[in-house]
Amino acid sequence: LLPAEDYAAPQLLGARVCATGLSISLRARAAADVATLGGVFDDVLSKRTTHLLVQLRKGDQAAVEALLGSGGPSKLLWARRAGVRVLDVGWLAECLAQCHTPSAAAVSYHRHLR
């Protein structure tokens, strides 16, 4: 028998990913990683967006919550209001390394910021 993993759907199949606050090089890397994982990377946040990537460091959760409370960056605020999953860009690296979509709650600073 052949391994089932060889026939699994790409991890981000059907996902439409946008980013905010990333450097040009990190944004390019994120776009390539999203494509590798079967998703679509889009520079425009829209109603079809499923994930918004941000760059956080450990301990930045409070800073993000403060930004959201003060109006914060428009993409981040709109995403939160629209129910878009907001995740640290490191989540993509985990997806690639683990060959599956890890739970956003599995790593505290990668958690969903709703």
PDB file of N, CA and C in Angstrom:
ATOM      1  N   LEU A   1       0.829  -1.185   0.000  1.00  0.00           N
ATOM      2  CA  LEU A   1       0.000   0.000   0.000  1.00  0.00           C
ATOM      3  C   LEU A   1       0.871   1.246   0.000  1.00  0.00           C
ATOM      4  N   LEU A   2       0.335   2.303  -0.611  1.00  0.00           N
ATOM      5  CA  LEU A   2       1.040   3.577  -0.636  1.00  0.00           C
ATOM      6  C   LEU A   2       0.655   4.407   0.592  1.00  0.00           C
ATOM      7  N   PRO A   3       1.589   5.217   1.098  1.00  0.00           N
ATOM      8  CA  PRO A   3       1.287   6.038   2.280  1.00  0.00           C
ATOM      9  C   PRO A   3       0.163   7.034   1.985  1.00  0.00           C
ATOM     10  N   ALA A   4      -0.763   7.174   2.898  1.00  0.00           N
ATOM     11  CA  ALA A   4      -1.886   8.096   2.734  1.00  0.00           C
ATOM     12  C   ALA A   4      -1.410   9.536   2.603  1.00  0.00           C
ATOM     13  N   GLU A   5      -0.266   9.875   3.239  1.00  0.00           N
ATOM     14  CA  GLU A   5       0.251  11.241   3.192  1.00  0.00           C
ATOM     15  C   GLU A   5       0.515  11.697   1.767  1.00  0.00           C
ATOM     16  N   ASP A   6       0.833  10.735   0.878  1.00  0.00           N
ATOM     17  CA  ASP A   6       1.117  11.084  -0.513  1.00  0.00           C
ATOM     18  C   ASP A   6      -0.113  11.600  -1.236  1.00  0.00           C
ATOM     19  N   TYR A   7      -1.291  11.353  -0.683  1.00  0.00           N
ATOM     20  CA  TYR A   7      -2.530  11.741  -1.342  1.00  0.00           C
ATOM     21  C   TYR A   7      -3.341  12.748  -0.545  1.00  0.00           C
ATOM     22  N   ALA A   8      -2.746  13.287   0.484  1.00  0.00           N
ATOM     23  CA  ALA A   8      -3.443  14.267   1.321  1.00  0.00           C
ATOM     24  C   ALA A   8      -3.576  15.591   0.561  1.00  0.00           C
ATOM     25  N   ALA A   9      -4.656  16.309   0.815  1.00  0.00           N
ATOM     26  CA  ALA A   9      -4.848  17.629   0.215  1.00  0.00           C
ATOM     27  C   ALA A   9      -3.817  18.595   0.799  1.00  0.00           C
ATOM     28  N   PRO A  10      -3.401  19.591   0.014  1.00  0.00           N
ATOM     29  CA  PRO A  10      -2.473  20.589   0.555  1.00  0.00           C
ATOM     30  C   PRO A  10      -3.052  21.238   1.810  1.00  0.00           C
ATOM     31  N   GLN A  11      -2.180  21.565   2.749  1.00  0.00           N
ATOM     32  CA  GLN A  11      -2.605  22.061   4.054  1.00  0.00           C
ATOM     33  C   GLN A  11      -3.462  23.320   3.980  1.00  0.00           C
ATOM     34  N   LEU A  12      -3.184  24.208   3.043  1.00  0.00           N
ATOM     35  CA  LEU A  12      -3.926  25.464   2.973  1.00  0.00           C
ATOM     36  C   LEU A  12      -4.843  25.525   1.753  1.00  0.00           C
ATOM     37  N   LEU A  13      -5.235  24.370   1.250  1.00  0.00           N
ATOM     38  CA  LEU A  13      -6.143  24.324   0.112  1.00  0.00           C
ATOM     39  C   LEU A  13      -7.418  25.089   0.454  1.00  0.00           C
ATOM     40  N   GLY A  14      -7.765  26.066  -0.358  1.00  0.00           N
ATOM     41  CA  GLY A  14      -8.953  26.878  -0.127  1.00  0.00           C
ATOM     42  C   GLY A  14      -8.708  28.102   0.726  1.00  0.00           C
ATOM     43  N   ALA A  15      -7.512  28.235   1.285  1.00  0.00           N
ATOM     44  CA  ALA A  15      -7.202  29.401   2.123  1.00  0.00           C
ATOM     45  C   ALA A  15      -6.768  30.578   1.263  1.00  0.00           C
ATOM     46  N   ARG A  16      -7.175  31.763   1.664  1.00  0.00           N
ATOM     47  CA  ARG A  16      -6.748  33.002   1.012  1.00  0.00           C
ATOM     48  C   ARG A  16      -6.075  33.825   2.106  1.00  0.00           C
ATOM     49  N   VAL A  17      -4.782  34.054   1.960  1.00  0.00           N
ATOM     50  CA  VAL A  17      -3.956  34.628   3.016  1.00  0.00           C
ATOM     51  C   VAL A  17      -3.487  36.032   2.634  1.00  0.00           C
ATOM     52  N   CYS A  18      -3.544  36.936   3.585  1.00  0.00           N
ATOM     53  CA  CYS A  18      -3.060  38.303   3.424  1.00  0.00           C
ATOM     54  C   CYS A  18      -2.084  38.562   4.572  1.00  0.00           C
ATOM     55  N   ALA A  19      -1.298  39.622   4.465  1.00  0.00           N
ATOM     56  CA  ALA A  19      -0.341  39.945   5.530  1.00  0.00           C
ATOM     57  C   ALA A  19      -0.335  41.442   5.785  1.00  0.00           C
ATOM     58  N   THR A  20       0.068  41.797   6.987  1.00  0.00           N
ATOM     59  CA  THR A  20       0.251  43.204   7.320  1.00  0.00           C
ATOM     60  C   THR A  20       1.469  43.349   8.224  1.00  0.00           C
ATOM     61  N   GLY A  21       2.230  44.422   8.006  1.00  0.00           N
ATOM     62  CA  GLY A  21       3.385  44.713   8.850  1.00  0.00           C
ATOM     63  C   GLY A  21       4.605  43.852   8.600  1.00  0.00           C
ATOM     64  N   LEU A  22       4.674  43.137   7.479  1.00  0.00           N
ATOM     65  CA  LEU A  22       5.835  42.303   7.170  1.00  0.00           C
ATOM     66  C   LEU A  22       6.802  43.060   6.273  1.00  0.00           C
ATOM     67  N   SER A  23       8.075  42.785   6.424  1.00  0.00           N
ATOM     68  CA  SER A  23       9.069  43.373   5.525  1.00  0.00           C
ATOM     69  C   SER A  23       8.852  42.811   4.121  1.00  0.00           C
ATOM     70  N   ILE A  24       9.430  43.437   3.120  1.00  0.00           N
ATOM     71  CA  ILE A  24       9.272  42.977   1.734  1.00  0.00           C
ATOM     72  C   ILE A  24       9.775  41.551   1.578  1.00  0.00           C
ATOM     73  N   SER A  25      10.921  41.248   2.169  1.00  0.00           N
ATOM     74  CA  SER A  25      11.492  39.899   2.026  1.00  0.00           C
ATOM     75  C   SER A  25      10.641  38.862   2.765  1.00  0.00           C
ATOM     76  N   LEU A  26      10.155  39.206   3.938  1.00  0.00           N
ATOM     77  CA  LEU A  26       9.320  38.276   4.697  1.00  0.00           C
ATOM     78  C   LEU A  26       7.973  38.063   4.000  1.00  0.00           C
ATOM     79  N   ARG A  27       7.425  39.125   3.403  1.00  0.00           N
ATOM     80  CA  ARG A  27       6.171  39.017   2.660  1.00  0.00           C
ATOM     81  C   ARG A  27       6.357  38.088   1.455  1.00  0.00           C
ATOM     82  N   ALA A  28       7.480  38.221   0.753  1.00  0.00           N
ATOM     83  CA  ALA A  28       7.755  37.361  -0.407  1.00  0.00           C
ATOM     84  C   ALA A  28       7.889  35.906   0.033  1.00  0.00           C
ATOM     85  N   ARG A  29       8.564  35.684   1.140  1.00  0.00           N
ATOM     86  CA  ARG A  29       8.720  34.321   1.668  1.00  0.00           C
ATOM     87  C   ARG A  29       7.361  33.736   2.081  1.00  0.00           C
ATOM     88  N   ALA A  30       6.545  34.565   2.726  1.00  0.00           N
ATOM     89  CA  ALA A  30       5.216  34.113   3.147  1.00  0.00           C
ATOM     90  C   ALA A  30       4.369  33.745   1.928  1.00  0.00           C
ATOM     91  N   ALA A  31       4.440  34.561   0.884  1.00  0.00           N
ATOM     92  CA  ALA A  31       3.676  34.283  -0.338  1.00  0.00           C
ATOM     93  C   ALA A  31       4.105  32.954  -0.954  1.00  0.00           C
ATOM     94  N   ALA A  32       5.416  32.708  -0.980  1.00  0.00           N
ATOM     95  CA  ALA A  32       5.933  31.447  -1.528  1.00  0.00           C
ATOM     96  C   ALA A  32       5.501  30.262  -0.660  1.00  0.00           C
ATOM     97  N   ASP A  33       5.552  30.422   0.652  1.00  0.00           N
ATOM     98  CA  ASP A  33       5.147  29.342   1.563  1.00  0.00           C
ATOM     99  C   ASP A  33       3.662  29.033   1.430  1.00  0.00           C
ATOM    100  N   VAL A  34       2.842  30.066   1.314  1.00  0.00           N
ATOM    101  CA  VAL A  34       1.394  29.868   1.162  1.00  0.00           C
ATOM    102  C   VAL A  34       1.121  29.086  -0.124  1.00  0.00           C
ATOM    103  N   ALA A  35       1.802  29.461  -1.207  1.00  0.00           N
ATOM    104  CA  ALA A  35       1.625  28.740  -2.480  1.00  0.00           C
ATOM    105  C   ALA A  35       2.064  27.289  -2.348  1.00  0.00           C
ATOM    106  N   THR A  36       3.186  27.049  -1.679  1.00  0.00           N
ATOM    107  CA  THR A  36       3.674  25.689  -1.465  1.00  0.00           C
ATOM    108  C   THR A  36       2.651  24.856  -0.708  1.00  0.00           C
ATOM    109  N   LEU A  37       1.954  25.493   0.222  1.00  0.00           N
ATOM    110  CA  LEU A  37       0.962  24.799   1.048  1.00  0.00           C
ATOM    111  C   LEU A  37      -0.419  24.742   0.390  1.00  0.00           C
ATOM    112  N   GLY A  38      -0.524  25.239  -0.850  1.00  0.00           N
ATOM    113  CA  GLY A  38      -1.771  25.123  -1.594  1.00  0.00           C
ATOM    114  C   GLY A  38      -2.747  26.278  -1.452  1.00  0.00           C
ATOM    115  N   GLY A  39      -2.342  27.344  -0.765  1.00  0.00           N
ATOM    116  CA  GLY A  39      -3.223  28.496  -0.591  1.00  0.00           C
ATOM    117  C   GLY A  39      -2.935  29.584  -1.605  1.00  0.00           C
ATOM    118  N   VAL A  40      -3.677  30.668  -1.487  1.00  0.00           N
ATOM    119  CA  VAL A  40      -3.510  31.833  -2.346  1.00  0.00           C
ATOM    120  C   VAL A  40      -3.102  33.003  -1.468  1.00  0.00           C
ATOM    121  N   PHE A  41      -2.016  33.680  -1.845  1.00  0.00           N
ATOM    122  CA  PHE A  41      -1.572  34.863  -1.118  1.00  0.00           C
ATOM    123  C   PHE A  41      -2.071  36.080  -1.869  1.00  0.00           C
ATOM    124  N   ASP A  42      -2.670  37.016  -1.143  1.00  0.00           N
ATOM    125  CA  ASP A  42      -3.232  38.212  -1.757  1.00  0.00           C
ATOM    126  C   ASP A  42      -2.808  39.416  -0.928  1.00  0.00           C
ATOM    127  N   ASP A  43      -2.391  40.492  -1.588  1.00  0.00           N
ATOM    128  CA  ASP A  43      -2.000  41.702  -0.863  1.00  0.00           C
ATOM    129  C   ASP A  43      -3.202  42.475  -0.339  1.00  0.00           C
ATOM    130  N   VAL A  44      -4.375  42.174  -0.882  1.00  0.00           N
ATOM    131  CA  VAL A  44      -5.584  42.906  -0.508  1.00  0.00           C
ATOM    132  C   VAL A  44      -6.424  42.082   0.460  1.00  0.00           C
ATOM    133  N   LEU A  45      -6.735  42.668   1.591  1.00  0.00           N
ATOM    134  CA  LEU A  45      -7.611  42.030   2.567  1.00  0.00           C
ATOM    135  C   LEU A  45      -9.045  42.218   2.081  1.00  0.00           C
ATOM    136  N   SER A  46      -9.766  41.123   1.936  1.00  0.00           N
ATOM    137  CA  SER A  46     -11.138  41.198   1.428  1.00  0.00           C
ATOM    138  C   SER A  46     -12.032  40.236   2.196  1.00  0.00           C
ATOM    139  N   LYS A  47     -13.295  40.191   1.811  1.00  0.00           N
ATOM    140  CA  LYS A  47     -14.244  39.281   2.448  1.00  0.00           C
ATOM    141  C   LYS A  47     -13.875  37.830   2.204  1.00  0.00           C
ATOM    142  N   ARG A  48     -13.072  37.578   1.170  1.00  0.00           N
ATOM    143  CA  ARG A  48     -12.657  36.205   0.868  1.00  0.00           C
ATOM    144  C   ARG A  48     -11.410  35.786   1.649  1.00  0.00           C
ATOM    145  N   THR A  49     -10.758  36.714   2.349  1.00  0.00           N
ATOM    146  CA  THR A  49      -9.553  36.409   3.115  1.00  0.00           C
ATOM    147  C   THR A  49      -9.905  35.488   4.288  1.00  0.00           C
ATOM    148  N   THR A  50      -9.099  34.438   4.458  1.00  0.00           N
ATOM    149  CA  THR A  50      -9.331  33.497   5.551  1.00  0.00           C
ATOM    150  C   THR A  50      -8.314  33.643   6.678  1.00  0.00           C
ATOM    151  N   HIS A  51      -7.106  34.125   6.360  1.00  0.00           N
ATOM    152  CA  HIS A  51      -6.032  34.265   7.350  1.00  0.00           C
ATOM    153  C   HIS A  51      -5.304  35.591   7.119  1.00  0.00           C
ATOM    154  N   LEU A  52      -4.953  36.276   8.191  1.00  0.00           N
ATOM    155  CA  LEU A  52      -4.112  37.462   8.125  1.00  0.00           C
ATOM    156  C   LEU A  52      -2.850  37.165   8.922  1.00  0.00           C
ATOM    157  N   LEU A  53      -1.702  37.313   8.268  1.00  0.00           N
ATOM    158  CA  LEU A  53      -0.420  37.064   8.935  1.00  0.00           C
ATOM    159  C   LEU A  53       0.161  38.362   9.465  1.00  0.00           C
ATOM    160  N   VAL A  54       0.667  38.311  10.675  1.00  0.00           N
ATOM    161  CA  VAL A  54       1.362  39.432  11.298  1.00  0.00           C
ATOM    162  C   VAL A  54       2.683  38.909  11.838  1.00  0.00           C
ATOM    163  N   GLN A  55       3.594  39.800  12.133  1.00  0.00           N
ATOM    164  CA  GLN A  55       4.872  39.368  12.702  1.00  0.00           C
ATOM    165  C   GLN A  55       4.889  39.724  14.178  1.00  0.00           C
ATOM    166  N   LEU A  56       4.953  38.693  15.001  1.00  0.00           N
ATOM    167  CA  LEU A  56       4.986  38.874  16.447  1.00  0.00           C
ATOM    168  C   LEU A  56       6.242  38.242  17.013  1.00  0.00           C
ATOM    169  N   ARG A  57       6.626  38.712  18.159  1.00  0.00           N
ATOM    170  CA  ARG A  57       7.660  38.035  18.938  1.00  0.00           C
ATOM    171  C   ARG A  57       6.974  37.534  20.191  1.00  0.00           C
ATOM    172  N   LYS A  58       7.571  36.584  20.850  1.00  0.00           N
ATOM    173  CA  LYS A  58       6.975  36.103  22.102  1.00  0.00           C
ATOM    174  C   LYS A  58       6.702  37.289  23.015  1.00  0.00           C
ATOM    175  N   GLY A  59       5.552  37.274  23.618  1.00  0.00           N
ATOM    176  CA  GLY A  59       5.186  38.349  24.527  1.00  0.00           C
ATOM    177  C   GLY A  59       4.477  39.509  23.859  1.00  0.00           C
ATOM    178  N   ASP A  60       4.353  39.483  22.519  1.00  0.00           N
ATOM    179  CA  ASP A  60       3.716  40.588  21.812  1.00  0.00           C
ATOM    180  C   ASP A  60       2.193  40.518  21.818  1.00  0.00           C
ATOM    181  N   GLN A  61       1.623  39.463  22.365  1.00  0.00           N
ATOM    182  CA  GLN A  61       0.166  39.326  22.394  1.00  0.00           C
ATOM    183  C   GLN A  61      -0.476  40.556  23.033  1.00  0.00           C
ATOM    184  N   ALA A  62       0.051  41.027  24.141  1.00  0.00           N
ATOM    185  CA  ALA A  62      -0.523  42.188  24.820  1.00  0.00           C
ATOM    186  C   ALA A  62      -0.418  43.426  23.937  1.00  0.00           C
ATOM    187  N   ALA A  63       0.683  43.561  23.204  1.00  0.00           N
ATOM    188  CA  ALA A  63       0.850  44.706  22.311  1.00  0.00           C
ATOM    189  C   ALA A  63      -0.183  44.684  21.197  1.00  0.00           C
ATOM    190  N   VAL A  64      -0.447  43.502  20.655  1.00  0.00           N
ATOM    191  CA  VAL A  64      -1.454  43.379  19.593  1.00  0.00           C
ATOM    192  C   VAL A  64      -2.832  43.718  20.141  1.00  0.00           C
ATOM    193  N   GLU A  65      -3.154  43.207  21.304  1.00  0.00           N
ATOM    194  CA  GLU A  65      -4.458  43.507  21.904  1.00  0.00           C
ATOM    195  C   GLU A  65      -4.591  45.005  22.169  1.00  0.00           C
ATOM    196  N   ALA A  66      -3.500  45.659  22.595  1.00  0.00           N
ATOM    197  CA  ALA A  66      -3.535  47.103  22.828  1.00  0.00           C
ATOM    198  C   ALA A  66      -3.761  47.847  21.512  1.00  0.00           C
ATOM    199  N   LEU A  67      -3.092  47.399  20.436  1.00  0.00           N
ATOM    200  CA  LEU A  67      -3.302  48.003  19.125  1.00  0.00           C
ATOM    201  C   LEU A  67      -4.756  47.881  18.691  1.00  0.00           C
ATOM    202  N   LEU A  68      -5.317  46.706  18.891  1.00  0.00           N
ATOM    203  CA  LEU A  68      -6.704  46.488  18.493  1.00  0.00           C
ATOM    204  C   LEU A  68      -7.644  47.368  19.316  1.00  0.00           C
ATOM    205  N   GLY A  69      -7.340  47.509  20.575  1.00  0.00           N
ATOM    206  CA  GLY A  69      -8.172  48.335  21.442  1.00  0.00           C
ATOM    207  C   GLY A  69      -8.101  49.809  21.105  1.00  0.00           C
ATOM    208  N   SER A  70      -6.974  50.248  20.536  1.00  0.00           N
ATOM    209  CA  SER A  70      -6.807  51.669  20.211  1.00  0.00           C
ATOM    210  C   SER A  70      -7.155  51.978  18.764  1.00  0.00           C
ATOM    211  N   GLY A  71      -7.701  51.026  18.063  1.00  0.00           N
ATOM    212  CA  GLY A  71      -8.020  51.267  16.661  1.00  0.00           C
ATOM    213  C   GLY A  71      -7.019  50.591  15.759  1.00  0.00           C
ATOM    214  N   GLY A  72      -5.767  50.499  16.175  1.00  0.00           N
ATOM    215  CA  GLY A  72      -4.720  49.759  15.482  1.00  0.00           C
ATOM    216  C   GLY A  72      -4.682  49.892  13.982  1.00  0.00           C
ATOM    217  N   PRO A  73      -3.801  49.130  13.345  1.00  0.00           N
ATOM    218  CA  PRO A  73      -3.710  49.133  11.885  1.00  0.00           C
ATOM    219  C   PRO A  73      -5.038  48.679  11.274  1.00  0.00           C
ATOM    220  N   SER A  74      -5.432  49.309  10.193  1.00  0.00           N
ATOM    221  CA  SER A  74      -6.756  49.038   9.632  1.00  0.00           C
ATOM    222  C   SER A  74      -6.936  47.588   9.197  1.00  0.00           C
ATOM    223  N   LYS A  75      -5.911  46.948   8.620  1.00  0.00           N
ATOM    224  CA  LYS A  75      -6.053  45.547   8.214  1.00  0.00           C
ATOM    225  C   LYS A  75      -6.308  44.657   9.416  1.00  0.00           C
ATOM    226  N   LEU A  76      -5.564  44.869  10.471  1.00  0.00           N
ATOM    227  CA  LEU A  76      -5.707  44.062  11.676  1.00  0.00           C
ATOM    228  C   LEU A  76      -7.086  44.248  12.296  1.00  0.00           C
ATOM    229  N   LEU A  77      -7.526  45.483  12.372  1.00  0.00           N
ATOM    230  CA  LEU A  77      -8.831  45.776  12.958  1.00  0.00           C
ATOM    231  C   LEU A  77      -9.951  45.201  12.097  1.00  0.00           C
ATOM    232  N   TRP A  78      -9.874  45.407  10.776  1.00  0.00           N
ATOM    233  CA  TRP A  78     -10.904  44.881   9.878  1.00  0.00           C
ATOM    234  C   TRP A  78     -10.953  43.360   9.953  1.00  0.00           C
ATOM    235  N   ALA A  79      -9.786  42.725   9.969  1.00  0.00           N
ATOM    236  CA  ALA A  79      -9.728  41.263  10.026  1.00  0.00           C
ATOM    237  C   ALA A  79     -10.395  40.749  11.291  1.00  0.00           C
ATOM    238  N   ARG A  80     -10.117  41.378  12.380  1.00  0.00           N
ATOM    239  CA  ARG A  80     -10.712  40.931  13.645  1.00  0.00           C
ATOM    240  C   ARG A  80     -12.222  41.071  13.611  1.00  0.00           C
ATOM    241  N   ARG A  81     -12.701  42.192  13.104  1.00  0.00           N
ATOM    242  CA  ARG A  81     -14.149  42.422  13.020  1.00  0.00           C
ATOM    243  C   ARG A  81     -14.819  41.440  12.064  1.00  0.00           C
ATOM    244  N   ALA A  82     -14.103  41.052  11.001  1.00  0.00           N
ATOM    245  CA  ALA A  82     -14.663  40.149   9.983  1.00  0.00           C
ATOM    246  C   ALA A  82     -14.512  38.679  10.351  1.00  0.00           C
ATOM    247  N   GLY A  83     -13.852  38.390  11.467  1.00  0.00           N
ATOM    248  CA  GLY A  83     -13.681  37.004  11.892  1.00  0.00           C
ATOM    249  C   GLY A  83     -12.564  36.272  11.157  1.00  0.00           C
ATOM    250  N   VAL A  84     -11.647  37.021  10.539  1.00  0.00           N
ATOM    251  CA  VAL A  84     -10.499  36.431   9.846  1.00  0.00           C
ATOM    252  C   VAL A  84      -9.500  35.949  10.896  1.00  0.00           C
ATOM    253  N   ARG A  85      -8.931  34.773  10.683  1.00  0.00           N
ATOM    254  CA  ARG A  85      -7.928  34.262  11.631  1.00  0.00           C
ATOM    255  C   ARG A  85      -6.660  35.103  11.510  1.00  0.00           C
ATOM    256  N   VAL A  86      -6.210  35.670  12.596  1.00  0.00           N
ATOM    257  CA  VAL A  86      -4.988  36.475  12.641  1.00  0.00           C
ATOM    258  C   VAL A  86      -3.917  35.633  13.319  1.00  0.00           C
ATOM    259  N   LEU A  87      -2.844  35.353  12.570  1.00  0.00           N
ATOM    260  CA  LEU A  87      -1.808  34.451  13.055  1.00  0.00           C
ATOM    261  C   LEU A  87      -0.424  35.036  12.834  1.00  0.00           C
ATOM    262  N   ASP A  88       0.504  34.636  13.685  1.00  0.00           N
ATOM    263  CA  ASP A  88       1.897  35.011  13.505  1.00  0.00           C
ATOM    264  C   ASP A  88       2.438  34.324  12.255  1.00  0.00           C
ATOM    265  N   VAL A  89       3.300  35.007  11.527  1.00  0.00           N
ATOM    266  CA  VAL A  89       3.885  34.466  10.306  1.00  0.00           C
ATOM    267  C   VAL A  89       4.647  33.158  10.568  1.00  0.00           C
ATOM    268  N   GLY A  90       5.094  32.943  11.783  1.00  0.00           N
ATOM    269  CA  GLY A  90       5.764  31.694  12.144  1.00  0.00           C
ATOM    270  C   GLY A  90       4.873  30.475  12.007  1.00  0.00           C
ATOM    271  N   TRP A  91       3.564  30.684  11.995  1.00  0.00           N
ATOM    272  CA  TRP A  91       2.615  29.596  11.813  1.00  0.00           C
ATOM    273  C   TRP A  91       2.859  28.897  10.474  1.00  0.00           C
ATOM    274  N   LEU A  92       3.229  29.667   9.440  1.00  0.00           N
ATOM    275  CA  LEU A  92       3.525  29.061   8.132  1.00  0.00           C
ATOM    276  C   LEU A  92       4.730  28.131   8.216  1.00  0.00           C
ATOM    277  N   ALA A  93       5.751  28.547   8.940  1.00  0.00           N
ATOM    278  CA  ALA A  93       6.937  27.702   9.097  1.00  0.00           C
ATOM    279  C   ALA A  93       6.569  26.399   9.795  1.00  0.00           C
ATOM    280  N   GLU A  94       5.675  26.484  10.774  1.00  0.00           N
ATOM    281  CA  GLU A  94       5.224  25.268  11.450  1.00  0.00           C
ATOM    282  C   GLU A  94       4.468  24.364  10.488  1.00  0.00           C
ATOM    283  N   CYS A  95       3.627  24.962   9.653  1.00  0.00           N
ATOM    284  CA  CYS A  95       2.887  24.165   8.664  1.00  0.00           C
ATOM    285  C   CYS A  95       3.856  23.398   7.769  1.00  0.00           C
ATOM    286  N   LEU A  96       4.880  24.081   7.285  1.00  0.00           N
ATOM    287  CA  LEU A  96       5.860  23.446   6.408  1.00  0.00           C
ATOM    288  C   LEU A  96       6.654  22.377   7.148  1.00  0.00           C
ATOM    289  N   ALA A  97       7.076  22.674   8.354  1.00  0.00           N
ATOM    290  CA  ALA A  97       7.909  21.740   9.115  1.00  0.00           C
ATOM    291  C   ALA A  97       7.147  20.505   9.564  1.00  0.00           C
ATOM    292  N   GLN A  98       5.895  20.669   9.923  1.00  0.00           N
ATOM    293  CA  GLN A  98       5.127  19.560  10.461  1.00  0.00           C
ATOM    294  C   GLN A  98       4.321  18.828   9.404  1.00  0.00           C
ATOM    295  N   CYS A  99       4.301  19.373   8.174  1.00  0.00           N
ATOM    296  CA  CYS A  99       3.575  18.751   7.060  1.00  0.00           C
ATOM    297  C   CYS A  99       2.091  18.606   7.337  1.00  0.00           C
ATOM    298  N   HIS A 100       1.556  19.471   8.180  1.00  0.00           N
ATOM    299  CA  HIS A 100       0.115  19.564   8.390  1.00  0.00           C
ATOM    300  C   HIS A 100      -0.168  20.926   8.991  1.00  0.00           C
ATOM    301  N   THR A 101      -1.395  21.312   9.053  1.00  0.00           N
ATOM    302  CA  THR A 101      -1.750  22.605   9.617  1.00  0.00           C
ATOM    303  C   THR A 101      -1.818  22.479  11.129  1.00  0.00           C
ATOM    304  N   PRO A 102      -0.855  23.046  11.844  1.00  0.00           N
ATOM    305  CA  PRO A 102      -0.876  22.936  13.299  1.00  0.00           C
ATOM    306  C   PRO A 102      -1.976  23.798  13.891  1.00  0.00           C
ATOM    307  N   SER A 103      -2.443  23.401  15.021  1.00  0.00           N
ATOM    308  CA  SER A 103      -3.426  24.195  15.732  1.00  0.00           C
ATOM    309  C   SER A 103      -2.781  25.521  16.115  1.00  0.00           C
ATOM    310  N   ALA A 104      -3.488  26.596  15.874  1.00  0.00           N
ATOM    311  CA  ALA A 104      -2.954  27.904  16.243  1.00  0.00           C
ATOM    312  C   ALA A 104      -2.776  28.008  17.749  1.00  0.00           C
ATOM    313  N   ALA A 105      -3.528  27.224  18.526  1.00  0.00           N
ATOM    314  CA  ALA A 105      -3.416  27.259  19.982  1.00  0.00           C
ATOM    315  C   ALA A 105      -2.230  26.446  20.484  1.00  0.00           C
ATOM    316  N   ALA A 106      -1.605  25.666  19.602  1.00  0.00           N
ATOM    317  CA  ALA A 106      -0.514  24.791  20.023  1.00  0.00           C
ATOM    318  C   ALA A 106       0.703  25.572  20.488  1.00  0.00           C
ATOM    319  N   VAL A 107       0.915  26.740  19.949  1.00  0.00           N
ATOM    320  CA  VAL A 107       2.039  27.586  20.340  1.00  0.00           C
ATOM    321  C   VAL A 107       1.451  28.924  20.760  1.00  0.00           C
ATOM    322  N   SER A 108       1.692  29.339  21.981  1.00  0.00           N
ATOM    323  CA  SER A 108       0.988  30.484  22.543  1.00  0.00           C
ATOM    324  C   SER A 108       1.078  31.740  21.679  1.00  0.00           C
ATOM    325  N   TYR A 109       2.240  32.092  21.164  1.00  0.00           N
ATOM    326  CA  TYR A 109       2.335  33.326  20.395  1.00  0.00           C
ATOM    327  C   TYR A 109       1.879  33.154  18.958  1.00  0.00           C
ATOM    328  N   HIS A 110       1.457  31.959  18.570  1.00  0.00           N
ATOM    329  CA  HIS A 110       0.907  31.710  17.239  1.00  0.00           C
ATOM    330  C   HIS A 110      -0.609  31.626  17.304  1.00  0.00           C
ATOM    331  N   ARG A 111      -1.177  31.807  18.478  1.00  0.00           N
ATOM    332  CA  ARG A 111      -2.588  31.550  18.640  1.00  0.00           C
ATOM    333  C   ARG A 111      -3.441  32.565  17.882  1.00  0.00           C
ATOM    334  N   HIS A 112      -4.645  32.156  17.647  1.00  0.00           N
ATOM    335  CA  HIS A 112      -5.638  32.971  16.970  1.00  0.00           C
ATOM    336  C   HIS A 112      -5.904  34.204  17.832  1.00  0.00           C
ATOM    337  N   LEU A 113      -5.906  35.373  17.244  1.00  0.00           N
ATOM    338  CA  LEU A 113      -6.028  36.610  18.021  1.00  0.00           C
ATOM    339  C   LEU A 113      -7.450  37.184  17.973  1.00  0.00           C
ATOM    340  N   ARG A 114      -8.443  36.369  18.170  1.00  0.00           N
ATOM    341  CA  ARG A 114      -9.829  36.856  18.164  1.00  0.00           C
ATOM    342  C   ARG A 114     -10.217  37.385  19.487  1.00  0.00           C
TER     343      ARG A 114
END
